[in-house]
Amino acid sequence: MKTYSYMPYYQGPTPNNPMRDELSADEKEQKLAVFYADMATHFEDVGCTVKRNRAGLISITTDMPEKDCHDIVKRLLISLDLRADKF
């Protein structure tokens, strides 16, 4: 089995997107909690293991091909207006 890791985050306003909402720390934490719950629900339903460390890094242990795993994570991130760094 392989492990793929992602560090999700919310990106506020940028020079390219200055109209993007700035969220409070609580709002960001809520979005990240929902993302983790969605990841756990989705991946554990297909036999994968999902873990989150104290820093917020989410690791998925699976037999799934990397591209398939990444595509699912990408869809979940987009649904919550989040981004993630892949490790």
N, C-alpha and C. Protein backbone atom coordinates (compact mmCIF):
# COMPACT_ATOMS: atom_id res chain seq x y z
N MET A 1 0.84 -1.19 0.00
CA MET A 1 0.00 0.00 0.00
C MET A 1 0.88 1.25 0.00
N LYS A 2 0.41 2.27 -0.63
CA LYS A 2 1.13 3.53 -0.70
C LYS A 2 0.43 4.57 0.17
N THR A 3 1.20 5.57 0.58
CA THR A 3 0.64 6.65 1.38
C THR A 3 0.85 7.97 0.64
N TYR A 4 -0.24 8.71 0.51
CA TYR A 4 -0.20 10.04 -0.12
C TYR A 4 -0.60 11.04 0.96
N SER A 5 0.11 12.15 1.02
CA SER A 5 -0.14 13.14 2.08
C SER A 5 -0.43 14.51 1.49
N TYR A 6 -1.33 15.21 2.17
CA TYR A 6 -1.78 16.53 1.73
C TYR A 6 -1.90 17.46 2.93
N MET A 7 -1.50 18.71 2.75
CA MET A 7 -1.64 19.73 3.78
C MET A 7 -2.65 20.76 3.27
N PRO A 8 -3.92 20.64 3.70
CA PRO A 8 -4.95 21.56 3.20
C PRO A 8 -4.86 22.94 3.87
N TYR A 9 -5.31 23.97 3.15
CA TYR A 9 -5.33 25.32 3.70
C TYR A 9 -6.33 26.16 2.91
N TYR A 10 -6.72 27.27 3.52
CA TYR A 10 -7.57 28.24 2.83
C TYR A 10 -6.70 29.42 2.44
N GLN A 11 -6.79 29.83 1.19
CA GLN A 11 -6.02 30.99 0.72
C GLN A 11 -6.95 32.17 0.57
N GLY A 12 -6.70 33.21 1.33
CA GLY A 12 -7.51 34.42 1.27
C GLY A 12 -7.20 35.25 0.03
N PRO A 13 -7.47 36.54 0.09
CA PRO A 13 -7.24 37.41 -1.07
C PRO A 13 -5.79 37.38 -1.54
N THR A 14 -5.62 37.44 -2.86
CA THR A 14 -4.30 37.47 -3.47
C THR A 14 -4.30 38.57 -4.53
N PRO A 15 -3.13 38.95 -5.02
CA PRO A 15 -3.11 39.95 -6.10
C PRO A 15 -3.91 39.50 -7.32
N ASN A 16 -3.92 38.20 -7.59
CA ASN A 16 -4.69 37.69 -8.74
C ASN A 16 -6.17 37.57 -8.44
N ASN A 17 -6.53 37.49 -7.17
CA ASN A 17 -7.92 37.33 -6.78
C ASN A 17 -8.20 38.18 -5.53
N PRO A 18 -8.19 39.51 -5.67
CA PRO A 18 -8.33 40.39 -4.50
C PRO A 18 -9.73 40.38 -3.88
N MET A 19 -10.72 39.86 -4.58
CA MET A 19 -12.08 39.86 -4.06
C MET A 19 -12.39 38.60 -3.24
N ARG A 20 -11.43 37.73 -3.12
CA ARG A 20 -11.62 36.49 -2.37
C ARG A 20 -11.87 36.84 -0.89
N ASP A 21 -12.80 36.13 -0.26
CA ASP A 21 -13.14 36.40 1.14
C ASP A 21 -11.98 36.07 2.07
N GLU A 22 -11.82 36.90 3.08
CA GLU A 22 -10.88 36.60 4.16
C GLU A 22 -11.70 35.95 5.27
N LEU A 23 -11.32 34.75 5.66
CA LEU A 23 -12.07 34.03 6.68
C LEU A 23 -11.40 34.19 8.04
N SER A 24 -12.23 34.11 9.09
CA SER A 24 -11.68 34.13 10.45
C SER A 24 -10.98 32.79 10.71
N ALA A 25 -10.21 32.74 11.76
CA ALA A 25 -9.51 31.50 12.13
C ALA A 25 -10.52 30.38 12.37
N ASP A 26 -11.66 30.70 13.01
CA ASP A 26 -12.70 29.70 13.27
C ASP A 26 -13.31 29.17 11.97
N GLU A 27 -13.57 30.08 11.04
CA GLU A 27 -14.14 29.66 9.75
C GLU A 27 -13.18 28.75 8.99
N LYS A 28 -11.90 29.10 9.03
CA LYS A 28 -10.89 28.26 8.36
C LYS A 28 -10.85 26.88 9.01
N GLU A 29 -10.85 26.86 10.33
CA GLU A 29 -10.79 25.58 11.06
C GLU A 29 -12.02 24.72 10.77
N GLN A 30 -13.18 25.36 10.65
CA GLN A 30 -14.40 24.61 10.33
C GLN A 30 -14.30 23.98 8.95
N LYS A 31 -13.81 24.73 7.97
CA LYS A 31 -13.65 24.19 6.61
C LYS A 31 -12.68 23.02 6.61
N LEU A 32 -11.57 23.14 7.34
CA LEU A 32 -10.59 22.08 7.40
C LEU A 32 -11.15 20.84 8.10
N ALA A 33 -11.96 21.05 9.13
CA ALA A 33 -12.58 19.92 9.83
C ALA A 33 -13.56 19.19 8.92
N VAL A 34 -14.34 19.94 8.15
CA VAL A 34 -15.27 19.32 7.20
C VAL A 34 -14.50 18.56 6.12
N PHE A 35 -13.40 19.14 5.65
CA PHE A 35 -12.58 18.47 4.65
C PHE A 35 -12.06 17.14 5.18
N TYR A 36 -11.54 17.14 6.40
CA TYR A 36 -11.03 15.90 6.98
C TYR A 36 -12.15 14.87 7.12
N ALA A 37 -13.31 15.29 7.59
CA ALA A 37 -14.44 14.37 7.74
C ALA A 37 -14.86 13.80 6.38
N ASP A 38 -14.91 14.65 5.36
CA ASP A 38 -15.26 14.19 4.02
C ASP A 38 -14.23 13.20 3.49
N MET A 39 -12.95 13.49 3.73
CA MET A 39 -11.88 12.58 3.29
C MET A 39 -12.03 11.23 3.97
N ALA A 40 -12.20 11.25 5.29
CA ALA A 40 -12.33 10.00 6.04
C ALA A 40 -13.53 9.20 5.55
N THR A 41 -14.66 9.85 5.39
CA THR A 41 -15.86 9.16 4.93
C THR A 41 -15.66 8.57 3.55
N HIS A 42 -15.14 9.37 2.64
CA HIS A 42 -15.00 8.91 1.26
C HIS A 42 -13.98 7.78 1.13
N PHE A 43 -12.80 7.97 1.68
CA PHE A 43 -11.73 6.99 1.48
C PHE A 43 -11.91 5.74 2.34
N GLU A 44 -12.42 5.88 3.56
CA GLU A 44 -12.61 4.70 4.40
C GLU A 44 -13.71 3.80 3.85
N ASP A 45 -14.66 4.37 3.12
CA ASP A 45 -15.72 3.57 2.49
C ASP A 45 -15.16 2.64 1.42
N VAL A 46 -14.00 2.95 0.87
CA VAL A 46 -13.40 2.10 -0.17
C VAL A 46 -12.15 1.38 0.35
N GLY A 47 -12.03 1.24 1.67
CA GLY A 47 -10.97 0.44 2.25
C GLY A 47 -9.64 1.12 2.46
N CYS A 48 -9.60 2.43 2.45
CA CYS A 48 -8.36 3.18 2.67
C CYS A 48 -8.29 3.63 4.14
N THR A 49 -7.11 3.97 4.58
CA THR A 49 -6.92 4.51 5.92
C THR A 49 -6.57 5.99 5.80
N VAL A 50 -7.27 6.82 6.56
CA VAL A 50 -7.03 8.27 6.54
C VAL A 50 -6.65 8.71 7.95
N LYS A 51 -5.54 9.44 8.05
CA LYS A 51 -5.08 9.95 9.34
C LYS A 51 -4.70 11.41 9.20
N ARG A 52 -4.84 12.14 10.31
CA ARG A 52 -4.44 13.55 10.34
C ARG A 52 -3.54 13.77 11.54
N ASN A 53 -2.39 14.41 11.33
CA ASN A 53 -1.50 14.67 12.46
C ASN A 53 -1.83 16.03 13.09
N ARG A 54 -1.11 16.38 14.14
CA ARG A 54 -1.37 17.64 14.86
C ARG A 54 -1.19 18.88 14.00
N ALA A 55 -0.31 18.80 13.04
CA ALA A 55 -0.05 19.94 12.17
C ALA A 55 -1.11 20.08 11.07
N GLY A 56 -1.98 19.08 10.93
CA GLY A 56 -3.03 19.13 9.92
C GLY A 56 -2.73 18.35 8.65
N LEU A 57 -1.56 17.70 8.60
CA LEU A 57 -1.20 16.90 7.43
C LEU A 57 -2.10 15.66 7.38
N ILE A 58 -2.77 15.47 6.26
CA ILE A 58 -3.66 14.33 6.08
C ILE A 58 -2.96 13.29 5.22
N SER A 59 -2.90 12.06 5.72
CA SER A 59 -2.26 10.96 5.00
C SER A 59 -3.28 9.90 4.66
N ILE A 60 -3.23 9.44 3.42
CA ILE A 60 -4.15 8.41 2.93
C ILE A 60 -3.31 7.20 2.55
N THR A 61 -3.57 6.08 3.19
CA THR A 61 -2.89 4.84 2.86
C THR A 61 -3.86 3.99 2.04
N THR A 62 -3.42 3.63 0.82
CA THR A 62 -4.33 3.00 -0.12
C THR A 62 -3.61 2.19 -1.19
N ASP A 63 -4.35 1.31 -1.83
CA ASP A 63 -3.87 0.60 -3.02
C ASP A 63 -4.27 1.35 -4.29
N MET A 64 -5.03 2.41 -4.13
CA MET A 64 -5.54 3.20 -5.25
C MET A 64 -4.37 3.87 -6.00
N PRO A 65 -4.43 3.95 -7.31
CA PRO A 65 -3.39 4.68 -8.06
C PRO A 65 -3.34 6.15 -7.61
N GLU A 66 -2.13 6.71 -7.66
CA GLU A 66 -1.94 8.09 -7.19
C GLU A 66 -2.85 9.08 -7.90
N LYS A 67 -3.00 8.96 -9.20
CA LYS A 67 -3.84 9.90 -9.95
C LYS A 67 -5.29 9.84 -9.48
N ASP A 68 -5.81 8.64 -9.25
CA ASP A 68 -7.19 8.50 -8.78
C ASP A 68 -7.36 9.13 -7.40
N CYS A 69 -6.40 8.89 -6.52
CA CYS A 69 -6.45 9.48 -5.18
C CYS A 69 -6.39 11.00 -5.27
N HIS A 70 -5.48 11.51 -6.06
CA HIS A 70 -5.32 12.96 -6.21
C HIS A 70 -6.59 13.59 -6.79
N ASP A 71 -7.22 12.93 -7.75
CA ASP A 71 -8.44 13.48 -8.35
C ASP A 71 -9.57 13.57 -7.34
N ILE A 72 -9.69 12.58 -6.46
CA ILE A 72 -10.73 12.62 -5.43
C ILE A 72 -10.45 13.75 -4.45
N VAL A 73 -9.19 13.86 -4.00
CA VAL A 73 -8.82 14.93 -3.07
C VAL A 73 -9.09 16.29 -3.71
N LYS A 74 -8.74 16.42 -4.97
CA LYS A 74 -8.95 17.69 -5.68
C LYS A 74 -10.43 18.07 -5.69
N ARG A 75 -11.30 17.11 -5.99
CA ARG A 75 -12.75 17.40 -6.00
C ARG A 75 -13.24 17.84 -4.62
N LEU A 76 -12.76 17.16 -3.56
CA LEU A 76 -13.17 17.53 -2.21
C LEU A 76 -12.65 18.92 -1.83
N LEU A 77 -11.43 19.24 -2.22
CA LEU A 77 -10.88 20.57 -1.95
C LEU A 77 -11.69 21.66 -2.65
N ILE A 78 -11.99 21.45 -3.91
CA ILE A 78 -12.75 22.44 -4.68
C ILE A 78 -14.13 22.65 -4.07
N SER A 79 -14.75 21.59 -3.61
CA SER A 79 -16.11 21.71 -3.04
C SER A 79 -16.12 22.60 -1.80
N LEU A 80 -14.99 22.72 -1.11
CA LEU A 80 -14.91 23.55 0.10
C LEU A 80 -14.08 24.82 -0.10
N ASP A 81 -13.70 25.10 -1.35
CA ASP A 81 -12.90 26.28 -1.67
C ASP A 81 -11.57 26.28 -0.92
N LEU A 82 -10.94 25.11 -0.85
CA LEU A 82 -9.64 24.95 -0.19
C LEU A 82 -8.57 24.61 -1.22
N ARG A 83 -7.33 24.67 -0.78
CA ARG A 83 -6.18 24.25 -1.57
C ARG A 83 -5.37 23.30 -0.69
N ALA A 84 -4.41 22.61 -1.29
CA ALA A 84 -3.55 21.74 -0.49
C ALA A 84 -2.19 21.59 -1.17
N ASP A 85 -1.18 21.46 -0.34
CA ASP A 85 0.14 21.10 -0.82
C ASP A 85 0.25 19.58 -0.70
N LYS A 86 0.83 18.96 -1.73
CA LYS A 86 0.98 17.50 -1.74
C LYS A 86 2.39 17.15 -1.32
N PHE A 87 2.50 16.14 -0.46
CA PHE A 87 3.81 15.70 0.01
C PHE A 87 4.03 14.25 -0.34
